[in-house]
């Protein structure tokens, strides 16, 4: 079944709506995490996430880890799997499906990653321990950003929300590549070969027409994801790779669906009612066949995305925020704020994101490679540039990979909170007073 770009726009609308509420939920959960971690119950917070362990064992083989590790390597892999589905859909039939559509958000995302990294590196270039955090200010938290944007209601044109979503999806793809290439310490080549073999099985399965999502789940989880877990490359990369193998073509074509559904409806209308709230056996059988037909007419990719998106936005990200945002602040807060790592992150996320997105967007339009979306002004683009500086969950995720030192990771998180708050406030007011084109 061919995906209609108009349908993609409607799915973007539902994505924006869901992510907006998810952003509000993230703010609430983050406050809980911060209060919990800085109260007299801090020990219970640390014990729950870092000392409570569970897992699987089979003879001498064991896969056991802390709750925190399962969230960051397990649930976040599922989150990135959902992101991978969204990327594939957008490339096939959405805002990244044509060169003209994709150029501006992709180039803006590149600018929004390069400039923050350069600013951070310029501030921390003389310290080998600090410099590893250059990837932290490159990330954008789409749920948080859309949550802030939703507070403005109809003042923000839909096309701007679509632009921010496309930009953040391109940004996510960049973050995944950075994690895979730069934030991997030791690589077990044998396990990567295993992962490549299982990935190849999924690609072949897609090619020969296997549509059962259970098959992709089993081979993806037990083959690709498990191999990545033991390979040293972060398991979230496996989530995206598996997503790229999920079939787009439905079992029943659009035309066949129309013809067969019409036939079932005609049969159903001809069956005599039994003057009861319940269906007759024949009517019930027809309805069951129609349900089966409808199931087979849905592309597996869209079916999975619709099923997983609420789970990712309303459960995985809030749980990740609760487990990771609880920074226990000891000593002088100003020492943490004025640390070069914190300053680099704040400057990168707030100033770097804005400059990168604004300058690169201007460049694309000036070169006539793309044009501003309908109804969107340059003031809107500048506002998005600031909102994209809300790194939050994605930046926190990268900070845990970037630093071995727990102290530096804590400093980084303080910088992320400050930067995300400033970016949210500045972006909100910029958009509030920006006029539509």
Protein backbone atom coordinates (compact mmCIF):
# COMPACT_ATOMS: atom_id res chain seq x y z
CA UNK A 1 0.00 0.00 0.00
CA UNK A 2 1.38 3.40 -1.01
CA UNK A 3 1.73 5.96 1.73
CA UNK A 4 0.11 9.28 0.91
CA UNK A 5 2.08 12.39 1.93
CA UNK A 6 -1.21 13.86 3.21
CA UNK A 7 -1.56 10.89 5.55
CA UNK A 8 1.95 11.58 6.77
CA UNK A 9 0.92 15.14 7.60
CA UNK A 10 -1.94 13.81 9.71
CA UNK A 11 0.43 11.44 11.50
CA UNK A 12 2.73 14.44 12.10
CA UNK A 13 -0.28 16.19 13.70
CA UNK A 14 -0.88 13.23 16.02
CA UNK A 15 2.87 13.02 16.73
CA UNK A 16 2.94 16.72 17.68
CA UNK A 17 -0.14 16.37 19.89
CA UNK A 18 1.27 13.32 21.69
CA UNK A 19 4.76 14.77 22.06
CA UNK A 20 3.33 18.05 23.42
CA UNK A 21 1.59 16.26 26.29
CA UNK A 22 4.68 14.08 26.70
CA UNK A 23 6.74 17.26 27.14
CA UNK A 24 4.49 18.45 29.95
CA UNK A 25 4.77 15.02 31.59
CA UNK A 26 8.57 15.19 31.30
CA UNK A 27 8.66 18.53 33.13
CA UNK A 28 6.53 17.10 35.95
CA UNK A 29 8.62 13.92 36.28
CA UNK A 30 11.89 15.87 36.21
CA UNK A 31 10.75 18.04 39.12
CA UNK A 32 9.88 14.87 41.07
CA UNK A 33 13.33 13.40 40.31
CA UNK A 34 15.18 16.56 41.37
CA UNK A 35 13.19 16.95 44.60
CA UNK A 36 13.56 13.23 45.44
CA UNK A 37 17.33 13.25 44.81
CA UNK A 38 17.86 16.35 46.96
CA UNK A 39 15.64 15.34 49.86
CA UNK A 40 16.35 13.16 52.89
CA UNK A 41 15.18 10.22 50.73
CA UNK A 42 18.19 10.45 48.38
CA UNK A 43 19.49 7.05 49.52
CA UNK A 44 16.26 5.37 48.40
CA UNK A 45 16.52 7.15 45.01
CA UNK A 46 20.10 5.95 44.45
CA UNK A 47 19.36 2.43 45.75
CA UNK A 48 16.32 1.96 43.49
CA UNK A 49 18.05 2.87 40.22
CA UNK A 50 21.63 1.70 40.84
CA UNK A 51 21.53 -1.14 43.37
CA UNK A 52 18.36 -3.04 42.46
CA UNK A 53 19.44 -5.66 39.89
CA UNK A 54 17.60 -8.23 37.81
CA UNK A 55 18.22 -10.17 34.62
CA UNK A 56 18.48 -13.58 32.98
CA UNK A 57 20.85 -16.49 33.49
CA UNK A 58 21.26 -19.82 31.71
CA UNK A 59 24.03 -22.04 33.07
CA UNK A 60 27.24 -20.01 33.01
CA UNK A 61 25.67 -17.36 30.76
CA UNK A 62 24.25 -14.35 32.57
CA UNK A 63 22.73 -11.02 31.60
CA UNK A 64 22.13 -9.10 34.80
CA UNK A 65 22.28 -5.39 35.52
CA UNK A 66 20.86 -2.49 37.52
CA UNK A 67 17.44 -0.98 36.86
CA UNK A 68 19.18 2.19 35.65
CA UNK A 69 21.20 0.20 33.10
CA UNK A 70 18.13 -1.68 31.84
CA UNK A 71 16.33 1.63 31.26
CA UNK A 72 19.29 3.23 29.46
CA UNK A 73 20.28 0.22 27.36
CA UNK A 74 16.99 -1.66 27.08
CA UNK A 75 14.01 0.70 27.12
CA UNK A 76 15.97 3.45 25.36
CA UNK A 77 16.80 0.98 22.58
CA UNK A 78 13.04 0.54 22.16
CA UNK A 79 12.65 4.33 22.14
CA UNK A 80 15.26 4.64 19.41
CA UNK A 81 13.50 1.84 17.54
CA UNK A 82 10.40 4.07 17.52
CA UNK A 83 12.55 6.99 16.36
CA UNK A 84 13.89 4.75 13.56
CA UNK A 85 10.33 3.97 12.42
CA UNK A 86 9.54 7.70 12.34
CA UNK A 87 12.70 8.46 10.37
CA UNK A 88 11.87 5.75 7.81
CA UNK A 89 8.28 6.99 7.44
CA UNK A 90 9.37 10.61 7.03
CA UNK A 91 11.96 9.62 4.40
CA UNK A 92 9.41 7.56 2.45
CA UNK A 93 6.33 9.77 2.61
CA UNK A 94 6.80 12.69 4.94
CA UNK A 95 8.74 15.87 5.46
CA UNK A 96 12.03 14.21 4.42
CA UNK A 97 10.60 12.48 1.34
CA UNK A 98 11.80 14.97 -1.28
CA UNK A 99 14.98 16.99 -1.70
CA UNK A 100 13.10 20.30 -1.50
CA UNK A 101 11.19 19.30 1.63
CA UNK A 102 14.13 17.71 3.39
CA UNK A 103 16.90 20.21 2.59
CA UNK A 104 16.01 22.96 5.04
CA UNK A 105 15.34 20.84 8.19
CA UNK A 106 18.32 18.55 7.49
CA UNK A 107 20.77 21.40 6.85
CA UNK A 108 19.36 23.31 9.85
CA UNK A 109 19.87 20.18 11.99
CA UNK A 110 23.48 19.86 10.78
CA UNK A 111 24.11 23.51 11.70
CA UNK A 112 22.39 22.90 15.03
CA UNK A 113 24.82 20.07 15.76
CA UNK A 114 28.10 21.50 14.42
CA UNK A 115 28.02 24.98 16.00
CA UNK A 116 27.17 23.80 19.57
CA UNK A 117 29.94 21.15 19.40
CA UNK A 118 32.46 23.77 18.23
CA UNK A 119 31.45 26.23 20.97
CA UNK A 120 31.76 23.52 23.65
CA UNK A 121 35.12 22.39 22.26
CA UNK A 122 36.42 26.00 22.18
CA UNK A 123 35.60 26.42 25.88
CA UNK A 124 37.03 23.03 26.95
CA UNK A 125 39.80 22.40 24.37
CA UNK A 126 42.63 22.55 26.94
CA UNK A 127 41.20 19.84 29.20
CA UNK A 128 41.28 16.22 27.88
CA UNK A 129 38.79 15.06 30.53
CA UNK A 130 36.23 17.74 29.70
CA UNK A 131 36.52 17.71 25.91
CA UNK A 132 34.77 14.32 25.60
CA UNK A 133 31.46 16.07 26.34
CA UNK A 134 31.39 17.86 22.97
CA UNK A 135 28.43 15.71 21.81
CA UNK A 136 26.16 16.75 24.71
CA UNK A 137 24.98 20.14 23.35
CA UNK A 138 24.29 18.65 19.91
CA UNK A 139 21.03 16.94 20.99
CA UNK A 140 17.42 18.18 20.92
CA UNK A 141 14.58 16.84 23.06
CA UNK A 142 11.64 16.86 20.62
CA UNK A 143 8.99 16.03 23.25
CA UNK A 144 10.11 18.85 25.55
CA UNK A 145 10.42 21.35 22.68
CA UNK A 146 6.97 20.54 21.28
CA UNK A 147 5.55 20.64 24.80
CA UNK A 148 6.72 24.25 25.20
CA UNK A 149 5.50 25.11 21.69
CA UNK A 150 2.05 23.70 22.50
CA UNK A 151 1.64 26.34 25.24
CA UNK A 152 1.37 28.93 22.46
CA UNK A 153 -1.66 27.22 20.87
CA UNK A 154 -2.71 28.62 17.50
CA UNK A 155 -0.07 31.38 17.57
CA UNK A 156 2.33 28.82 16.11
CA UNK A 157 1.56 27.64 12.55
CA UNK A 158 1.35 23.87 12.00
CA UNK A 159 4.10 24.10 9.37
CA UNK A 160 6.50 25.35 12.04
CA UNK A 161 5.69 22.33 14.24
CA UNK A 162 6.28 20.09 11.22
CA UNK A 163 9.62 21.85 10.57
CA UNK A 164 10.71 21.40 14.20
CA UNK A 165 9.69 17.72 14.12
CA UNK A 166 11.60 17.07 10.87
CA UNK A 167 14.63 18.96 12.22
CA UNK A 168 14.57 16.97 15.49
CA UNK A 169 14.25 13.65 13.61
CA UNK A 170 17.31 14.57 11.50
CA UNK A 171 19.01 15.64 14.75
CA UNK A 172 18.19 12.25 16.33
CA UNK A 173 19.77 10.46 13.37
CA UNK A 174 22.91 12.56 13.86
CA UNK A 175 22.94 11.77 17.61
CA UNK A 176 22.66 8.03 16.87
CA UNK A 177 25.65 8.21 14.49
CA UNK A 178 27.68 10.14 17.08
CA UNK A 179 26.90 7.55 19.78
CA UNK A 180 27.86 4.70 17.44
CA UNK A 181 31.11 6.26 16.19
CA UNK A 182 32.49 8.39 19.03
CA UNK A 183 30.99 7.10 22.28
CA UNK A 184 31.98 3.46 21.95
CA UNK A 185 35.08 2.36 23.90
CA UNK A 186 36.07 -1.23 23.11
CA UNK A 187 34.44 -3.08 20.22
CA UNK A 188 33.95 -6.84 20.11
CA UNK A 189 34.22 -7.48 16.36
CA UNK A 190 32.85 -11.06 16.61
CA UNK A 191 29.62 -9.79 18.23
CA UNK A 192 29.30 -7.06 15.58
CA UNK A 193 29.61 -9.73 12.88
CA UNK A 194 26.82 -11.67 14.64
CA UNK A 195 24.70 -8.51 14.68
CA UNK A 196 25.39 -7.98 10.96
CA UNK A 197 24.30 -11.56 10.17
CA UNK A 198 21.02 -11.21 12.08
CA UNK A 199 20.47 -7.77 10.51
CA UNK A 200 20.99 -9.39 7.10
CA UNK A 201 18.34 -12.01 7.98
CA UNK A 202 15.86 -9.19 8.70
CA UNK A 203 16.70 -7.42 5.44
CA UNK A 204 16.20 -10.65 3.44
CA UNK A 205 12.95 -11.35 5.33
CA UNK A 206 11.66 -7.92 4.30
CA UNK A 207 12.77 -8.51 0.70
CA UNK A 208 11.03 -11.91 0.37
CA UNK A 209 7.80 -10.54 1.87
CA UNK A 210 7.66 -11.70 5.51
CA UNK A 211 5.18 -9.38 7.23
CA UNK A 212 4.87 -10.90 10.71
CA UNK A 213 6.05 -8.31 13.24
CA UNK A 214 6.68 -11.12 15.76
CA UNK A 215 9.43 -12.48 13.48
CA UNK A 216 11.20 -9.10 13.38
CA UNK A 217 10.78 -8.71 17.15
CA UNK A 218 12.32 -12.12 17.95
CA UNK A 219 15.24 -11.93 15.49
CA UNK A 220 15.78 -8.24 16.27
CA UNK A 221 15.78 -8.70 20.06
CA UNK A 222 17.57 -12.03 20.44
CA UNK A 223 19.86 -11.50 17.47
CA UNK A 224 20.68 -7.87 16.66
CA UNK A 225 20.05 -6.21 20.05
CA UNK A 226 21.75 -8.94 22.14
CA UNK A 227 24.79 -8.90 19.85
CA UNK A 228 25.05 -5.12 20.23
CA UNK A 229 24.77 -5.41 24.03
CA UNK A 230 27.89 -7.63 24.09
CA UNK A 231 29.69 -5.81 21.24
CA UNK A 232 30.48 -2.59 23.12
CA UNK A 233 28.54 -0.42 20.64
CA UNK A 234 25.59 1.16 22.44
CA UNK A 235 22.46 -0.96 22.10
CA UNK A 236 20.30 2.02 21.06
CA UNK A 237 21.96 1.84 17.62
CA UNK A 238 20.49 -1.66 17.26
CA UNK A 239 17.01 -0.22 17.81
CA UNK A 240 17.35 2.12 14.83
CA UNK A 241 18.86 -0.55 12.55
CA UNK A 242 16.03 -2.99 13.32
CA UNK A 243 13.47 -0.24 12.59
CA UNK A 244 14.95 0.27 9.12
CA UNK A 245 14.16 -3.38 8.25
CA UNK A 246 10.45 -3.22 9.17
CA UNK A 247 8.33 -3.69 6.02
CA UNK A 248 6.42 -0.77 4.54
CA UNK A 249 4.36 -2.75 2.04
CA UNK A 250 1.08 -4.15 3.34
CA UNK A 251 -0.06 -7.71 2.63
CA UNK A 252 -3.24 -6.45 0.94
CA UNK A 253 -2.99 -3.66 -1.64
CA UNK A 254 -5.11 -0.52 -1.44
CA UNK A 255 -7.25 -1.46 -4.45
CA UNK A 256 -7.79 -5.01 -3.19
CA UNK A 257 -8.77 -3.68 0.21
CA UNK A 258 -11.41 -1.36 -1.32
CA UNK A 259 -12.89 -4.14 -3.43
CA UNK A 260 -12.88 -6.79 -0.69
CA UNK A 261 -14.16 -4.42 2.01
CA UNK A 262 -17.01 -3.30 -0.29
CA UNK A 263 -17.87 -6.96 -0.90
CA UNK A 264 -17.99 -7.71 2.84
CA UNK A 265 -20.15 -4.64 3.53
CA UNK A 266 -22.56 -5.71 0.79
CA UNK A 267 -22.76 -9.23 2.24
CA UNK A 268 -23.28 -7.86 5.74
CA UNK A 269 -26.12 -5.57 4.60
CA UNK A 270 -27.93 -8.48 2.96
CA UNK A 271 -27.85 -10.67 6.07
CA UNK A 272 -31.11 -10.48 7.94
CA UNK A 273 -30.91 -9.01 11.44
CA UNK A 274 -32.11 -11.11 14.37
CA UNK A 275 -33.78 -8.10 16.10
CA UNK A 276 -31.25 -8.34 18.91
CA UNK A 277 -28.31 -6.21 20.07
CA UNK A 278 -26.14 -9.22 19.22
CA UNK A 279 -24.97 -10.12 15.71
CA UNK A 280 -25.97 -13.34 14.02
CA UNK A 281 -23.27 -15.98 13.52
CA UNK A 282 -23.02 -15.05 9.84
CA UNK A 283 -22.72 -11.31 10.60
CA UNK A 284 -20.11 -12.00 13.28
CA UNK A 285 -18.10 -14.09 10.80
CA UNK A 286 -18.20 -11.27 8.21
CA UNK A 287 -17.05 -8.70 10.81
CA UNK A 288 -14.15 -11.00 11.83
CA UNK A 289 -13.10 -11.36 8.18
CA UNK A 290 -13.25 -7.58 7.75
CA UNK A 291 -11.08 -7.10 10.85
CA UNK A 292 -8.55 -9.56 9.47
CA UNK A 293 -8.61 -7.79 6.09
CA UNK A 294 -8.10 -4.38 7.75
CA UNK A 295 -5.17 -5.77 9.73
CA UNK A 296 -3.52 -7.07 6.55
CA UNK A 297 -4.10 -3.75 4.75
CA UNK A 298 -2.01 -1.82 7.29
CA UNK A 299 1.72 -1.47 6.58
CA UNK A 300 3.65 -3.11 9.47
CA UNK A 301 5.79 0.02 9.89
CA UNK A 302 2.81 2.32 10.51
CA UNK A 303 1.08 -0.28 12.68
CA UNK A 304 4.15 -0.61 14.92
CA UNK A 305 4.77 3.13 15.05
CA UNK A 306 1.18 3.89 16.12
CA UNK A 307 1.35 1.15 18.77
CA UNK A 308 4.76 2.14 20.21
CA UNK A 309 4.65 5.93 20.02
CA UNK A 310 2.38 6.45 23.10
CA UNK A 311 4.44 3.89 25.07
CA UNK A 312 7.69 5.70 24.16
CA UNK A 313 6.40 9.21 24.91
CA UNK A 314 4.30 8.49 28.01
CA UNK A 315 6.33 5.72 29.66
CA UNK A 316 9.91 5.27 28.41
CA UNK A 317 10.96 8.94 28.34
CA UNK A 318 9.35 9.87 31.70
CA UNK A 319 10.90 6.78 33.33
CA UNK A 320 14.28 7.67 31.79
CA UNK A 321 13.94 11.25 33.08
CA UNK A 322 13.03 10.05 36.58
CA UNK A 323 16.02 7.66 36.67
CA UNK A 324 18.54 10.13 35.22
CA UNK A 325 17.44 13.66 36.12
CA UNK A 326 17.80 13.27 39.88
CA UNK A 327 21.12 15.07 40.30
CA UNK A 328 22.15 15.14 43.97
CA UNK A 329 23.70 18.58 44.45
CA UNK A 330 26.36 18.76 47.16
CA UNK A 331 28.63 21.68 47.94
CA UNK A 332 28.49 25.04 46.20
CA UNK A 333 25.97 25.15 43.36
CA UNK A 334 27.81 28.06 41.73
CA UNK A 335 30.95 25.92 41.43
CA UNK A 336 28.93 23.46 39.36
CA UNK A 337 27.33 26.21 37.28
CA UNK A 338 30.63 27.97 36.54
CA UNK A 339 32.50 24.76 35.67
CA UNK A 340 33.83 24.82 32.05
CA UNK A 341 31.75 21.71 31.21
CA UNK A 342 28.56 23.41 32.41
CA UNK A 343 29.43 26.70 30.67
CA UNK A 344 30.24 24.84 27.43
CA UNK A 345 26.90 23.01 27.52
CA UNK A 346 24.87 26.16 28.28
CA UNK A 347 26.67 28.17 25.59
CA UNK A 348 26.38 25.29 23.10
CA UNK A 349 22.70 24.55 23.65
CA UNK A 350 21.39 28.10 24.03
CA UNK A 351 23.65 30.13 21.74
CA UNK A 352 25.10 27.39 19.50
CA UNK A 353 21.78 25.79 18.56
CA UNK A 354 20.27 29.18 17.73
CA UNK A 355 23.23 30.30 15.62
CA UNK A 356 23.62 26.96 13.85
CA UNK A 357 19.95 26.62 12.90
CA UNK A 358 19.49 30.31 11.98
CA UNK A 359 22.67 30.67 9.91
CA UNK A 360 22.35 27.36 8.07
CA UNK A 361 18.64 27.98 7.35
CA UNK A 362 19.44 31.43 5.97
CA UNK A 363 22.16 29.92 3.82
CA UNK A 364 19.85 27.27 2.33
CA UNK A 365 17.19 29.86 1.44
CA UNK A 366 19.78 32.32 0.07
CA UNK A 367 21.19 29.59 -2.20
CA UNK A 368 17.59 28.79 -3.31
CA UNK A 369 18.01 25.14 -2.30
CA UNK A 370 14.81 25.44 -0.27
CA UNK A 371 12.31 28.01 0.96
CA UNK A 372 10.55 28.95 4.18
CA UNK A 373 7.49 26.77 4.89
CA UNK A 374 4.15 28.42 4.15
CA UNK A 375 3.06 30.83 6.91
CA UNK A 376 6.44 30.63 8.67
CA UNK A 377 8.53 33.78 9.21
CA UNK A 378 12.20 34.16 10.07
CA UNK A 379 11.13 35.09 13.61
CA UNK A 380 9.56 31.64 13.88
CA UNK A 381 12.79 29.98 12.68
CA UNK A 382 14.79 31.92 15.28
CA UNK A 383 12.33 30.80 17.97
CA UNK A 384 12.74 27.18 16.87
CA UNK A 385 16.51 27.72 16.99
CA UNK A 386 16.22 28.48 20.70
CA UNK A 387 13.65 25.74 21.44
CA UNK A 388 15.98 23.20 19.80
CA UNK A 389 18.42 24.11 22.58
CA UNK A 390 16.26 22.09 24.98
CA UNK A 391 18.59 19.09 25.06
CA UNK A 392 17.25 17.49 28.23
CA UNK A 393 16.68 13.70 27.90
CA UNK A 394 18.86 13.27 24.79
CA UNK A 395 21.67 15.40 26.25
CA UNK A 396 21.46 13.58 29.60
CA UNK A 397 21.67 10.28 27.73
CA UNK A 398 24.84 11.36 25.89
CA UNK A 399 26.39 12.85 29.07
CA UNK A 400 26.29 9.43 30.75
CA UNK A 401 28.22 8.00 27.77
CA UNK A 402 30.63 10.94 27.47
CA UNK A 403 32.08 10.99 30.99
CA UNK A 404 33.53 8.18 33.08
CA UNK A 405 33.70 10.54 36.06
CA UNK A 406 30.44 10.67 38.03
CA UNK A 407 31.33 14.20 39.13
CA UNK A 408 31.66 15.47 35.55
CA UNK A 409 28.39 13.75 34.60
CA UNK A 410 26.73 15.60 37.49
CA UNK A 411 28.21 18.94 36.36
CA UNK A 412 27.00 18.21 32.81
CA UNK A 413 23.45 17.56 34.02
CA UNK A 414 23.38 20.84 35.93
CA UNK A 415 24.46 22.60 32.72
CA UNK A 416 21.78 20.71 30.74
CA UNK A 417 19.03 21.78 33.18
CA UNK A 418 20.08 25.43 33.07
CA UNK A 419 20.46 25.45 29.28
CA UNK A 420 17.14 23.69 28.69
CA UNK A 421 15.33 26.13 30.98
CA UNK A 422 16.89 29.19 29.31
CA UNK A 423 16.26 27.80 25.81
CA UNK A 424 12.63 27.06 26.69
CA UNK A 425 11.97 30.56 28.09
CA UNK A 426 13.75 32.45 25.29
CA UNK A 427 12.20 30.25 22.58
CA UNK A 428 8.72 30.65 24.07
CA UNK A 429 8.84 34.46 24.09
CA UNK A 430 10.50 34.63 20.67
CA UNK A 431 7.64 32.60 19.18
CA UNK A 432 4.99 34.43 21.17
CA UNK A 433 5.90 37.77 19.60
CA UNK A 434 6.74 36.45 16.11
CA UNK A 435 4.23 37.23 13.38
CA UNK A 436 3.20 34.73 10.71
CA UNK A 437 4.40 35.42 7.19
